[in-house]
Amino acid sequence: MVFFGLTDAGKQRSDNQDNFKICQLECGAVLAVVCDGMGGAAGGSIASSIAAETFCNIIIQNEKLLFSPDGAIKENTVKNALITGVNKANTAVYQKAVIDPSLEGMGTTLVGCFIYKDIVMAINVGDSRIYSVYKDRVVRVSKDHSFVQTLVDMGEISEKEAQNHPKKNIIMRAVGVDDSVEADYFRLSTDMEQILLCSDGLSNYVTDDNKLLEFFVEQNAKNAAESLVEFANKSGGGDNITAVVIDFKGGKAE
């Protein structure tokens, strides 16, 4: 696997409240997470940093428990570890805000994945996204936990109308805002070419999955991530932008 991540403040904000982490575990698995903070310049950055760090640490610290003695992965244990990682991240962010009243209300999105051989296990809270990239199409895996997505699910507005809705930025579920949070879990297989994890600073500008595919054709992980961030900036760069690309076509980590 080859992987690469990039984050950028964008063109209209002086601070970057996004954070991402990618690491390769001793077993060869790849763990990646993207967090998009909220709650003011300081609060958002702190929330996303704490969440990304806590989430990854939980998985890394429990790596040996994720496999049976014969080396087979224990999928249900990994699933529980991902959920625990989100819950611990939520507690860490929430308690930080309790201790420091100036950080009250801070929170963050979190989208993460654990990849081992032909298995991808992913988890999501908020409106950062994970996409599966195939040779001929891109498929969004996660569903936004947002007000406009609720309206779409209820049939009150279309996906196209949701893209420019005035309440698009209202998040219904986030890490650290309350003392508990529920995450969505996904299990995939690596029959795709690549995986993209990104914050809404990117997905807001690449709203057509066919358009998104163009950035991956004949591109390695580094070039794809750089091209996506560049495109978001050229399109307005109205928010912080983060893209993490994991390529299953082989090679060493970048």
Protein backbone atom coordinates (compact mmCIF):
# COMPACT_ATOMS: atom_id res chain seq x y z
CA MET A 1 0.00 0.00 0.00
CA VAL A 2 1.04 3.56 -0.71
CA PHE A 3 -0.45 6.41 1.28
CA PHE A 4 -0.18 10.17 1.41
CA GLY A 5 -1.97 12.94 3.31
CA LEU A 6 -2.10 16.69 2.91
CA THR A 7 -3.86 19.50 4.79
CA ASP A 8 -4.15 23.17 3.88
CA ALA A 9 -5.77 26.18 5.56
CA GLY A 10 -7.48 27.18 2.31
CA LYS A 11 -7.74 30.65 0.83
CA GLN A 12 -10.16 32.32 3.22
CA ARG A 13 -9.01 31.22 6.68
CA SER A 14 -5.81 32.08 8.50
CA ASP A 15 -5.89 29.02 10.77
CA ASN A 16 -6.23 25.32 10.03
CA GLN A 17 -8.55 23.35 12.31
CA ASP A 18 -8.16 20.10 10.35
CA ASN A 19 -5.88 17.32 11.54
CA PHE A 20 -4.97 13.96 10.05
CA LYS A 21 -2.79 11.00 10.96
CA ILE A 22 -1.63 8.00 8.96
CA CYS A 23 0.47 5.22 10.39
CA GLN A 24 1.55 1.72 9.45
CA LEU A 25 1.31 -0.77 12.29
CA GLU A 26 3.84 -3.51 13.00
CA CYS A 27 1.47 -6.07 11.48
CA GLY A 28 1.46 -4.14 8.18
CA ALA A 29 -2.03 -2.68 8.62
CA VAL A 30 -2.56 0.98 7.78
CA LEU A 31 -4.53 3.23 10.12
CA ALA A 32 -5.72 6.65 8.96
CA VAL A 33 -7.95 9.36 10.40
CA VAL A 34 -9.15 12.83 9.34
CA CYS A 35 -10.67 15.27 11.85
CA ASP A 36 -12.24 18.66 11.09
CA GLY A 37 -12.50 20.78 14.24
CA MET A 38 -15.17 23.29 15.22
CA GLY A 39 -15.62 25.74 18.07
CA GLY A 40 -13.45 28.72 17.19
CA ALA A 41 -9.85 28.94 16.03
CA ALA A 42 -8.29 27.55 19.21
CA GLY A 43 -11.08 25.14 20.12
CA GLY A 44 -11.39 23.55 16.70
CA SER A 45 -7.67 22.93 16.36
CA ILE A 46 -7.43 21.48 19.86
CA ALA A 47 -10.46 19.25 19.39
CA SER A 48 -9.29 17.79 16.08
CA SER A 49 -5.74 17.27 17.37
CA ILE A 50 -6.88 15.51 20.56
CA ALA A 51 -9.37 13.34 18.68
CA ALA A 52 -6.94 12.21 15.97
CA GLU A 53 -4.20 11.44 18.47
CA THR A 54 -6.48 9.62 20.94
CA PHE A 55 -8.21 7.58 18.24
CA CYS A 56 -4.93 6.32 16.77
CA ASN A 57 -3.34 5.62 20.14
CA ILE A 58 -6.20 3.36 21.20
CA ILE A 59 -5.78 1.20 18.08
CA ILE A 60 -1.99 1.12 18.27
CA GLN A 61 -1.94 0.23 21.97
CA ASN A 62 -4.28 -2.70 21.34
CA GLU A 63 -2.67 -3.96 18.13
CA LYS A 64 -1.68 -7.35 19.54
CA LEU A 65 -5.28 -8.02 20.61
CA LEU A 66 -6.54 -7.58 17.04
CA PHE A 67 -5.08 -10.87 15.81
CA SER A 68 -5.46 -14.50 16.79
CA PRO A 69 -2.37 -16.67 17.55
CA ASP A 70 -2.33 -17.94 13.94
CA GLY A 71 -2.12 -14.37 12.63
CA ALA A 72 -5.72 -14.09 11.44
CA ILE A 73 -7.38 -10.75 12.02
CA LYS A 74 -10.25 -10.66 14.52
CA GLU A 75 -12.66 -8.43 12.66
CA ASN A 76 -15.12 -7.97 15.49
CA THR A 77 -12.27 -7.00 17.82
CA VAL A 78 -11.05 -4.41 15.31
CA LYS A 79 -14.58 -3.06 14.97
CA ASN A 80 -14.85 -2.72 18.74
CA ALA A 81 -11.40 -1.07 18.87
CA LEU A 82 -12.47 1.52 16.27
CA ILE A 83 -15.65 2.26 18.22
CA THR A 84 -13.67 2.46 21.45
CA GLY A 85 -11.22 4.81 19.75
CA VAL A 86 -14.05 7.17 18.84
CA ASN A 87 -15.55 6.96 22.33
CA LYS A 88 -12.19 7.66 24.00
CA ALA A 89 -11.59 10.55 21.60
CA ASN A 90 -15.03 11.91 22.44
CA THR A 91 -14.35 11.71 26.18
CA ALA A 92 -10.92 13.34 25.81
CA VAL A 93 -12.27 16.30 23.84
CA TYR A 94 -15.33 16.70 26.05
CA GLN A 95 -13.32 16.63 29.29
CA LYS A 96 -10.81 19.13 27.93
CA ALA A 97 -13.68 21.58 27.36
CA VAL A 98 -15.06 20.93 30.85
CA ILE A 99 -11.68 21.77 32.37
CA ASP A 100 -11.20 24.89 30.24
CA PRO A 101 -14.40 26.99 29.92
CA SER A 102 -12.86 28.96 27.04
CA LEU A 103 -13.12 25.78 24.94
CA GLU A 104 -16.78 25.11 25.73
CA GLY A 105 -18.68 23.74 22.76
CA MET A 106 -15.67 22.62 20.78
CA GLY A 107 -15.88 19.41 18.81
CA THR A 108 -14.69 17.69 15.67
CA THR A 109 -15.70 15.36 12.91
CA LEU A 110 -13.83 12.07 12.66
CA VAL A 111 -13.53 9.66 9.75
CA GLY A 112 -11.06 6.81 10.06
CA CYS A 113 -10.15 3.47 8.57
CA PHE A 114 -8.13 0.36 9.41
CA ILE A 115 -6.82 -1.54 6.39
CA TYR A 116 -5.31 -5.01 6.55
CA LYS A 117 -4.69 -7.10 3.42
CA ASP A 118 -8.06 -7.33 1.66
CA ILE A 119 -10.19 -5.84 4.45
CA VAL A 120 -11.13 -2.23 5.14
CA MET A 121 -12.94 -1.28 8.34
CA ALA A 122 -14.04 2.33 8.59
CA ILE A 123 -15.83 4.58 11.06
CA ASN A 124 -17.41 8.02 10.81
CA VAL A 125 -18.87 10.83 12.91
CA GLY A 126 -19.85 14.13 11.30
CA ASP A 127 -19.51 15.28 7.70
CA SER A 128 -15.94 14.40 6.82
CA ARG A 129 -16.10 11.63 4.24
CA ILE A 130 -14.63 8.38 3.00
CA TYR A 131 -14.82 7.39 -0.67
CA SER A 132 -13.98 4.13 -2.45
CA VAL A 133 -12.25 4.78 -5.77
CA TYR A 134 -12.61 2.19 -8.54
CA LYS A 135 -11.23 2.27 -12.08
CA ASP A 136 -14.52 3.52 -13.49
CA ARG A 137 -16.32 5.17 -10.56
CA VAL A 138 -16.13 6.70 -7.11
CA VAL A 139 -18.53 5.60 -4.36
CA ARG A 140 -19.17 7.60 -1.21
CA VAL A 141 -19.09 5.17 1.73
CA SER A 142 -20.06 7.44 4.62
CA LYS A 143 -23.23 9.44 5.16
CA ASP A 144 -23.00 12.98 6.52
CA HIS A 145 -24.38 13.54 10.01
CA SER A 146 -25.71 16.94 9.02
CA PHE A 147 -28.97 18.86 9.01
CA VAL A 148 -29.17 18.96 5.22
CA GLN A 149 -28.53 15.21 4.95
CA THR A 150 -31.50 14.70 7.28
CA LEU A 151 -33.61 16.82 4.92
CA VAL A 152 -32.40 14.74 1.96
CA ASP A 153 -33.23 11.49 3.79
CA MET A 154 -36.73 12.82 4.52
CA GLY A 155 -37.23 13.69 0.86
CA GLU A 156 -37.64 17.41 1.57
CA ILE A 157 -34.71 18.49 -0.60
CA SER A 158 -32.58 16.87 -3.31
CA GLU A 159 -28.87 16.08 -3.13
CA LYS A 160 -28.29 18.95 -5.57
CA GLU A 161 -30.26 21.39 -3.39
CA ALA A 162 -28.29 20.22 -0.35
CA GLN A 163 -25.02 21.34 -1.91
CA ASN A 164 -25.87 25.03 -1.56
CA HIS A 165 -28.35 24.94 1.32
CA PRO A 166 -27.93 27.86 3.80
CA LYS A 167 -27.82 25.41 6.73
CA LYS A 168 -25.30 23.08 5.10
CA ASN A 169 -22.76 23.57 7.89
CA ILE A 170 -25.02 22.45 10.74
CA ILE A 171 -23.63 19.17 12.08
CA MET A 172 -25.98 16.84 13.94
CA ARG A 173 -23.30 14.55 15.37
CA ALA A 174 -19.72 15.39 16.37
CA VAL A 175 -16.92 14.11 18.60
CA GLY A 176 -16.58 15.92 21.94
CA VAL A 177 -19.68 18.12 21.94
CA ASP A 178 -21.62 15.82 24.29
CA ASP A 179 -20.47 13.24 26.83
CA SER A 180 -21.21 10.42 24.37
CA VAL A 181 -21.46 9.98 20.61
CA GLU A 182 -22.57 7.29 18.17
CA ALA A 183 -20.37 6.43 15.18
CA ASP A 184 -21.26 4.71 11.91
CA TYR A 185 -19.21 1.60 11.09
CA PHE A 186 -18.47 0.19 7.62
CA ARG A 187 -16.81 -3.00 6.44
CA LEU A 188 -15.41 -3.03 2.90
CA SER A 189 -13.09 -5.16 0.79
CA THR A 190 -10.07 -3.81 -1.06
CA ASP A 191 -11.39 -4.55 -4.55
CA MET A 192 -11.15 -0.82 -5.23
CA GLU A 193 -8.07 1.02 -6.46
CA GLN A 194 -7.82 3.66 -3.75
CA ILE A 195 -9.56 5.13 -0.72
CA LEU A 196 -10.00 8.84 -0.03
CA LEU A 197 -10.62 10.35 3.41
CA CYS A 198 -11.33 14.07 3.36
CA SER A 199 -12.81 17.02 5.21
CA ASP A 200 -15.74 19.00 3.82
CA GLY A 201 -13.34 21.72 2.70
CA LEU A 202 -12.68 19.36 -0.20
CA SER A 203 -15.99 17.55 -0.65
CA ASN A 204 -17.87 20.87 -0.83
CA TYR A 205 -16.11 21.59 -4.12
CA VAL A 206 -16.06 18.14 -5.70
CA THR A 207 -19.77 17.38 -5.52
CA ASP A 208 -19.93 15.08 -8.56
CA ASP A 209 -18.43 11.62 -8.03
CA ASN A 210 -17.59 11.44 -11.75
CA LYS A 211 -15.63 14.67 -11.38
CA LEU A 212 -13.86 13.24 -8.35
CA LEU A 213 -12.74 10.20 -10.37
CA GLU A 214 -10.74 12.45 -12.72
CA PHE A 215 -8.25 13.19 -9.96
CA PHE A 216 -7.34 9.51 -9.56
CA VAL A 217 -6.92 8.37 -13.16
CA GLU A 218 -3.25 7.44 -13.67
CA GLN A 219 -2.34 9.27 -10.44
CA ASN A 220 -0.44 7.95 -7.44
CA ALA A 221 -1.53 8.74 -3.88
CA LYS A 222 0.64 11.84 -3.55
CA ASN A 223 -0.35 13.36 -6.88
CA ALA A 224 -4.04 12.67 -6.31
CA ALA A 225 -4.04 14.31 -2.86
CA GLU A 226 -2.08 17.33 -4.07
CA SER A 227 -4.34 17.76 -7.12
CA LEU A 228 -7.48 17.60 -4.97
CA VAL A 229 -6.24 20.21 -2.51
CA GLU A 230 -5.11 22.45 -5.35
CA PHE A 231 -8.52 22.15 -7.03
CA ALA A 232 -10.37 23.04 -3.80
CA ASN A 233 -8.19 26.13 -3.39
CA LYS A 234 -8.68 27.19 -6.99
CA SER A 235 -12.44 26.73 -6.55
CA GLY A 236 -12.53 29.19 -3.65
CA GLY A 237 -10.73 27.53 -0.74
CA GLY A 238 -13.48 28.63 1.62
CA ASP A 239 -12.57 26.15 4.36
CA ASN A 240 -9.65 24.09 5.58
CA ILE A 241 -8.88 21.27 3.17
CA THR A 242 -7.59 17.79 4.02
CA ALA A 243 -7.14 14.79 1.74
CA VAL A 244 -5.71 11.39 2.67
CA VAL A 245 -5.30 8.89 -0.18
CA ILE A 246 -4.47 5.22 0.33
CA ASP A 247 -3.51 3.29 -2.82
CA PHE A 248 -3.85 -0.49 -2.93
CA LYS A 249 -1.81 -0.95 -6.11
CA GLY A 250 1.40 -1.57 -4.21
CA GLY A 251 4.64 0.17 -3.47
CA LYS A 252 6.17 1.61 -0.35
CA ALA A 253 4.55 4.23 1.85
CA GLU A 254 5.32 7.80 0.83
